[in-house]
Amino acid sequence: MKLSKTSVVSWVVVLWICKVFLLSLPYKFTLHPDTQHIFGTIGQWMKGFIGESGGALFMNYGSYAVGGVELITALILLSPALFFALKKIGLLTNTPSINLVHAAGGLLASAVMSGAVFFHLFTPLGIEVIHEGKGDGGSLFYAAVSILILGVFMAIINLMKYKKG
């Protein structure tokens, strides 16, 4: 089986996105102090725009919502590997187009990260997240920007490949 350039590029991007998303889940789902700082800062800022209760909801449940979407996105992006395995052992005969799955996953990842980029740029959170006197050097922001760009790129190249047939 020969892999196309589109497939290789897509799988490299998928691995990067899934690494970032999946490794952040323990922080988001256990309400790590860094997570509380990030979502608390954004929630406080949101109170001025969507009201006290809306901001409080984001502060208390935003990490679960974002983490849930990131988990679903990672599962979508990795699903072609599962489809391939199930097809190989005879449990599936028809599988969805890998190109369409990766295009959809790339768009979903980009959508999630567009929110992250927005909050880094336009709220008190800032590009460099500083919590308890320690900064992250902007690593969260740069990871979000990379996923935003790479997700759109992956969607475009996979849709082009799908349309070619």
C-alpha atoms as a PDB file:
ATOM      1  CA  MET A   1       0.000   0.000   0.000  1.00  0.00           C
ATOM      2  CA  LYS A   2       1.499   3.308  -1.102  1.00  0.00           C
ATOM      3  CA  LEU A   3       0.681   6.409   0.880  1.00  0.00           C
ATOM      4  CA  SER A   4       0.135   9.679  -0.963  1.00  0.00           C
ATOM      5  CA  LYS A   5       1.808  12.917   0.095  1.00  0.00           C
ATOM      6  CA  THR A   6      -1.576  14.148   1.283  1.00  0.00           C
ATOM      7  CA  SER A   7      -1.955  11.096   3.525  1.00  0.00           C
ATOM      8  CA  VAL A   8       1.512  11.451   5.022  1.00  0.00           C
ATOM      9  CA  VAL A   9       1.065  15.179   5.677  1.00  0.00           C
ATOM     10  CA  SER A  10      -2.404  14.575   7.130  1.00  0.00           C
ATOM     11  CA  TRP A  11      -1.207  11.877   9.515  1.00  0.00           C
ATOM     12  CA  VAL A  12       1.676  14.053  10.731  1.00  0.00           C
ATOM     13  CA  VAL A  13      -0.780  16.891  11.402  1.00  0.00           C
ATOM     14  CA  VAL A  14      -3.235  14.461  13.042  1.00  0.00           C
ATOM     15  CA  LEU A  15      -0.513  13.213  15.391  1.00  0.00           C
ATOM     16  CA  TRP A  16       0.418  16.786  16.392  1.00  0.00           C
ATOM     17  CA  ILE A  17      -3.190  17.815  17.004  1.00  0.00           C
ATOM     18  CA  CYS A  18      -3.981  14.654  18.953  1.00  0.00           C
ATOM     19  CA  LYS A  19      -0.818  15.011  21.052  1.00  0.00           C
ATOM     20  CA  VAL A  20      -1.783  18.543  22.059  1.00  0.00           C
ATOM     21  CA  PHE A  21      -5.459  17.765  22.619  1.00  0.00           C
ATOM     22  CA  LEU A  22      -5.114  14.428  24.405  1.00  0.00           C
ATOM     23  CA  LEU A  23      -2.226  15.433  26.666  1.00  0.00           C
ATOM     24  CA  SER A  24      -4.186  18.483  27.841  1.00  0.00           C
ATOM     25  CA  LEU A  25      -7.246  16.475  28.889  1.00  0.00           C
ATOM     26  CA  PRO A  26      -5.995  15.493  32.365  1.00  0.00           C
ATOM     27  CA  TYR A  27      -5.458  19.189  33.096  1.00  0.00           C
ATOM     28  CA  LYS A  28      -8.895  20.177  31.816  1.00  0.00           C
ATOM     29  CA  PHE A  29     -10.866  17.311  33.345  1.00  0.00           C
ATOM     30  CA  THR A  30      -9.214  17.448  36.799  1.00  0.00           C
ATOM     31  CA  LEU A  31      -9.361  21.247  37.035  1.00  0.00           C
ATOM     32  CA  HIS A  32      -5.612  21.611  37.448  1.00  0.00           C
ATOM     33  CA  PRO A  33      -4.684  24.996  38.984  1.00  0.00           C
ATOM     34  CA  ASP A  34      -3.302  26.184  35.613  1.00  0.00           C
ATOM     35  CA  THR A  35      -6.622  25.266  33.982  1.00  0.00           C
ATOM     36  CA  GLN A  36      -8.546  27.065  36.714  1.00  0.00           C
ATOM     37  CA  HIS A  37      -6.398  30.146  36.119  1.00  0.00           C
ATOM     38  CA  ILE A  38      -6.953  30.102  32.334  1.00  0.00           C
ATOM     39  CA  PHE A  39     -10.703  29.496  32.390  1.00  0.00           C
ATOM     40  CA  GLY A  40     -11.137  31.739  35.447  1.00  0.00           C
ATOM     41  CA  THR A  41      -9.360  34.639  33.729  1.00  0.00           C
ATOM     42  CA  ILE A  42     -11.479  34.240  30.601  1.00  0.00           C
ATOM     43  CA  GLY A  43     -14.667  33.733  32.632  1.00  0.00           C
ATOM     44  CA  GLN A  44     -14.045  36.938  34.599  1.00  0.00           C
ATOM     45  CA  TRP A  45     -13.547  38.813  31.333  1.00  0.00           C
ATOM     46  CA  MET A  46     -16.710  37.253  29.854  1.00  0.00           C
ATOM     47  CA  LYS A  47     -18.818  38.477  32.765  1.00  0.00           C
ATOM     48  CA  GLY A  48     -18.539  41.981  31.315  1.00  0.00           C
ATOM     49  CA  PHE A  49     -20.048  40.809  28.015  1.00  0.00           C
ATOM     50  CA  ILE A  50     -22.459  37.969  28.727  1.00  0.00           C
ATOM     51  CA  GLY A  51     -23.303  38.651  32.353  1.00  0.00           C
ATOM     52  CA  GLU A  52     -22.365  37.301  35.716  1.00  0.00           C
ATOM     53  CA  SER A  53     -23.951  33.859  35.313  1.00  0.00           C
ATOM     54  CA  GLY A  54     -22.568  33.285  31.796  1.00  0.00           C
ATOM     55  CA  GLY A  55     -19.048  34.109  32.910  1.00  0.00           C
ATOM     56  CA  ALA A  56     -19.420  31.919  35.983  1.00  0.00           C
ATOM     57  CA  LEU A  57     -20.633  29.021  33.828  1.00  0.00           C
ATOM     58  CA  PHE A  58     -17.541  29.344  31.643  1.00  0.00           C
ATOM     59  CA  MET A  59     -15.304  29.522  34.691  1.00  0.00           C
ATOM     60  CA  ASN A  60     -16.814  26.364  36.188  1.00  0.00           C
ATOM     61  CA  TYR A  61     -17.544  24.235  33.119  1.00  0.00           C
ATOM     62  CA  GLY A  62     -15.584  25.705  30.205  1.00  0.00           C
ATOM     63  CA  SER A  63     -12.659  23.335  30.628  1.00  0.00           C
ATOM     64  CA  TYR A  64     -14.993  20.327  30.490  1.00  0.00           C
ATOM     65  CA  ALA A  65     -16.727  21.642  27.359  1.00  0.00           C
ATOM     66  CA  VAL A  66     -13.494  22.506  25.549  1.00  0.00           C
ATOM     67  CA  GLY A  67     -11.867  19.253  26.667  1.00  0.00           C
ATOM     68  CA  GLY A  68     -14.888  17.295  25.467  1.00  0.00           C
ATOM     69  CA  VAL A  69     -14.752  18.888  22.023  1.00  0.00           C
ATOM     70  CA  GLU A  70     -11.003  18.272  21.855  1.00  0.00           C
ATOM     71  CA  LEU A  71     -11.534  14.607  22.768  1.00  0.00           C
ATOM     72  CA  ILE A  72     -14.218  14.200  20.100  1.00  0.00           C
ATOM     73  CA  THR A  73     -11.973  15.927  17.552  1.00  0.00           C
ATOM     74  CA  ALA A  74      -9.056  13.611  18.373  1.00  0.00           C
ATOM     75  CA  LEU A  75     -11.302  10.555  18.041  1.00  0.00           C
ATOM     76  CA  ILE A  76     -12.568  11.765  14.666  1.00  0.00           C
ATOM     77  CA  LEU A  77      -9.025  12.407  13.447  1.00  0.00           C
ATOM     78  CA  LEU A  78      -7.816   8.977  14.600  1.00  0.00           C
ATOM     79  CA  SER A  79     -10.901   7.063  13.422  1.00  0.00           C
ATOM     80  CA  PRO A  80      -9.519   6.205   9.951  1.00  0.00           C
ATOM     81  CA  ALA A  81      -6.879   4.048  11.665  1.00  0.00           C
ATOM     82  CA  LEU A  82      -9.638   2.164  13.488  1.00  0.00           C
ATOM     83  CA  PHE A  83     -11.671   1.840  10.275  1.00  0.00           C
ATOM     84  CA  PHE A  84      -8.593   0.448   8.508  1.00  0.00           C
ATOM     85  CA  ALA A  85      -8.011  -2.128  11.267  1.00  0.00           C
ATOM     86  CA  LEU A  86     -11.667  -3.185  11.356  1.00  0.00           C
ATOM     87  CA  LYS A  87     -11.705  -3.529   7.578  1.00  0.00           C
ATOM     88  CA  LYS A  88      -8.537  -5.641   7.654  1.00  0.00           C
ATOM     89  CA  ILE A  89     -10.048  -8.116  10.107  1.00  0.00           C
ATOM     90  CA  GLY A  90     -13.307  -8.263   8.186  1.00  0.00           C
ATOM     91  CA  LEU A  91     -15.602  -6.424  10.597  1.00  0.00           C
ATOM     92  CA  LEU A  92     -16.230  -3.572   8.158  1.00  0.00           C
ATOM     93  CA  THR A  93     -16.688  -3.615   4.436  1.00  0.00           C
ATOM     94  CA  ASN A  94     -17.368   0.038   3.684  1.00  0.00           C
ATOM     95  CA  THR A  95     -15.504   2.850   5.365  1.00  0.00           C
ATOM     96  CA  PRO A  96     -15.874   6.602   5.067  1.00  0.00           C
ATOM     97  CA  SER A  97     -13.370   8.490   2.968  1.00  0.00           C
ATOM     98  CA  ILE A  98     -10.230   9.186   4.982  1.00  0.00           C
ATOM     99  CA  ASN A  99      -9.945  12.481   3.132  1.00  0.00           C
ATOM    100  CA  LEU A 100     -13.409  13.599   4.246  1.00  0.00           C
ATOM    101  CA  VAL A 101     -12.821  12.479   7.819  1.00  0.00           C
ATOM    102  CA  HIS A 102      -9.501  14.313   8.014  1.00  0.00           C
ATOM    103  CA  ALA A 103     -10.997  17.406   6.366  1.00  0.00           C
ATOM    104  CA  ALA A 104     -13.826  17.475   8.919  1.00  0.00           C
ATOM    105  CA  GLY A 105     -11.448  16.834  11.811  1.00  0.00           C
ATOM    106  CA  GLY A 106      -9.096  19.558  10.606  1.00  0.00           C
ATOM    107  CA  LEU A 107     -11.938  22.065  10.415  1.00  0.00           C
ATOM    108  CA  LEU A 108     -13.188  21.097  13.868  1.00  0.00           C
ATOM    109  CA  ALA A 109      -9.683  21.402  15.353  1.00  0.00           C
ATOM    110  CA  SER A 110      -9.298  24.805  13.701  1.00  0.00           C
ATOM    111  CA  ALA A 111     -12.648  25.970  15.046  1.00  0.00           C
ATOM    112  CA  VAL A 112     -11.704  25.014  18.606  1.00  0.00           C
ATOM    113  CA  MET A 113      -8.322  26.673  18.317  1.00  0.00           C
ATOM    114  CA  SER A 114      -9.747  29.835  16.763  1.00  0.00           C
ATOM    115  CA  GLY A 115     -11.506  30.301  20.092  1.00  0.00           C
ATOM    116  CA  ALA A 116      -8.266  29.714  21.973  1.00  0.00           C
ATOM    117  CA  VAL A 117      -6.369  32.192  19.777  1.00  0.00           C
ATOM    118  CA  PHE A 118      -9.142  34.773  20.236  1.00  0.00           C
ATOM    119  CA  PHE A 119      -9.055  34.455  24.024  1.00  0.00           C
ATOM    120  CA  HIS A 120      -5.249  34.720  24.103  1.00  0.00           C
ATOM    121  CA  LEU A 121      -5.293  37.860  21.953  1.00  0.00           C
ATOM    122  CA  PHE A 122      -8.356  39.736  23.178  1.00  0.00           C
ATOM    123  CA  THR A 123      -8.703  38.948  26.878  1.00  0.00           C
ATOM    124  CA  PRO A 124      -6.487  39.548  29.907  1.00  0.00           C
ATOM    125  CA  LEU A 125      -5.148  35.982  29.438  1.00  0.00           C
ATOM    126  CA  GLY A 126      -2.557  37.252  26.956  1.00  0.00           C
ATOM    127  CA  ILE A 127      -0.179  35.447  24.640  1.00  0.00           C
ATOM    128  CA  GLU A 128       2.008  34.322  27.522  1.00  0.00           C
ATOM    129  CA  VAL A 129      -0.030  32.738  30.290  1.00  0.00           C
ATOM    130  CA  ILE A 130       1.471  33.745  33.626  1.00  0.00           C
ATOM    131  CA  HIS A 131       0.287  31.872  36.685  1.00  0.00           C
ATOM    132  CA  GLU A 132       1.863  31.959  40.140  1.00  0.00           C
ATOM    133  CA  GLY A 133       4.784  33.979  38.807  1.00  0.00           C
ATOM    134  CA  LYS A 134       5.655  31.483  36.070  1.00  0.00           C
ATOM    135  CA  GLY A 135       5.013  32.061  32.379  1.00  0.00           C
ATOM    136  CA  ASP A 136       4.561  29.471  29.680  1.00  0.00           C
ATOM    137  CA  GLY A 137       6.607  31.443  27.138  1.00  0.00           C
ATOM    138  CA  GLY A 138       3.531  31.597  24.926  1.00  0.00           C
ATOM    139  CA  SER A 139       3.583  27.823  24.293  1.00  0.00           C
ATOM    140  CA  LEU A 140      -0.194  27.418  24.636  1.00  0.00           C
ATOM    141  CA  PHE A 141      -0.812  30.301  22.245  1.00  0.00           C
ATOM    142  CA  TYR A 142       1.689  29.049  19.660  1.00  0.00           C
ATOM    143  CA  ALA A 143       0.279  25.512  19.828  1.00  0.00           C
ATOM    144  CA  ALA A 144      -3.206  26.936  19.265  1.00  0.00           C
ATOM    145  CA  VAL A 145      -2.030  29.010  16.275  1.00  0.00           C
ATOM    146  CA  SER A 146      -0.252  26.011  14.772  1.00  0.00           C
ATOM    147  CA  ILE A 147      -3.346  23.828  15.075  1.00  0.00           C
ATOM    148  CA  LEU A 148      -5.572  26.581  13.681  1.00  0.00           C
ATOM    149  CA  ILE A 149      -3.369  26.918  10.592  1.00  0.00           C
ATOM    150  CA  LEU A 150      -2.536  23.230  10.148  1.00  0.00           C
ATOM    151  CA  GLY A 151      -6.172  22.185  10.602  1.00  0.00           C
ATOM    152  CA  VAL A 152      -7.307  24.526   7.818  1.00  0.00           C
ATOM    153  CA  PHE A 153      -4.411  23.382   5.612  1.00  0.00           C
ATOM    154  CA  MET A 154      -5.266  19.720   6.255  1.00  0.00           C
ATOM    155  CA  ALA A 155      -8.920  20.348   5.436  1.00  0.00           C
ATOM    156  CA  ILE A 156      -8.037  22.065   2.156  1.00  0.00           C
ATOM    157  CA  ILE A 157      -5.597  19.422   0.911  1.00  0.00           C
ATOM    158  CA  ASN A 158      -7.933  16.577   1.860  1.00  0.00           C
ATOM    159  CA  LEU A 159     -10.956  18.186   0.209  1.00  0.00           C
ATOM    160  CA  MET A 160      -8.917  18.791  -2.935  1.00  0.00           C
ATOM    161  CA  LYS A 161      -7.777  15.167  -2.949  1.00  0.00           C
ATOM    162  CA  TYR A 162     -11.347  13.946  -2.353  1.00  0.00           C
ATOM    163  CA  LYS A 163     -12.704  16.029  -5.238  1.00  0.00           C
ATOM    164  CA  LYS A 164     -10.005  14.661  -7.549  1.00  0.00           C
ATOM    165  CA  GLY A 165     -11.255  11.193  -6.772  1.00  0.00           C
END
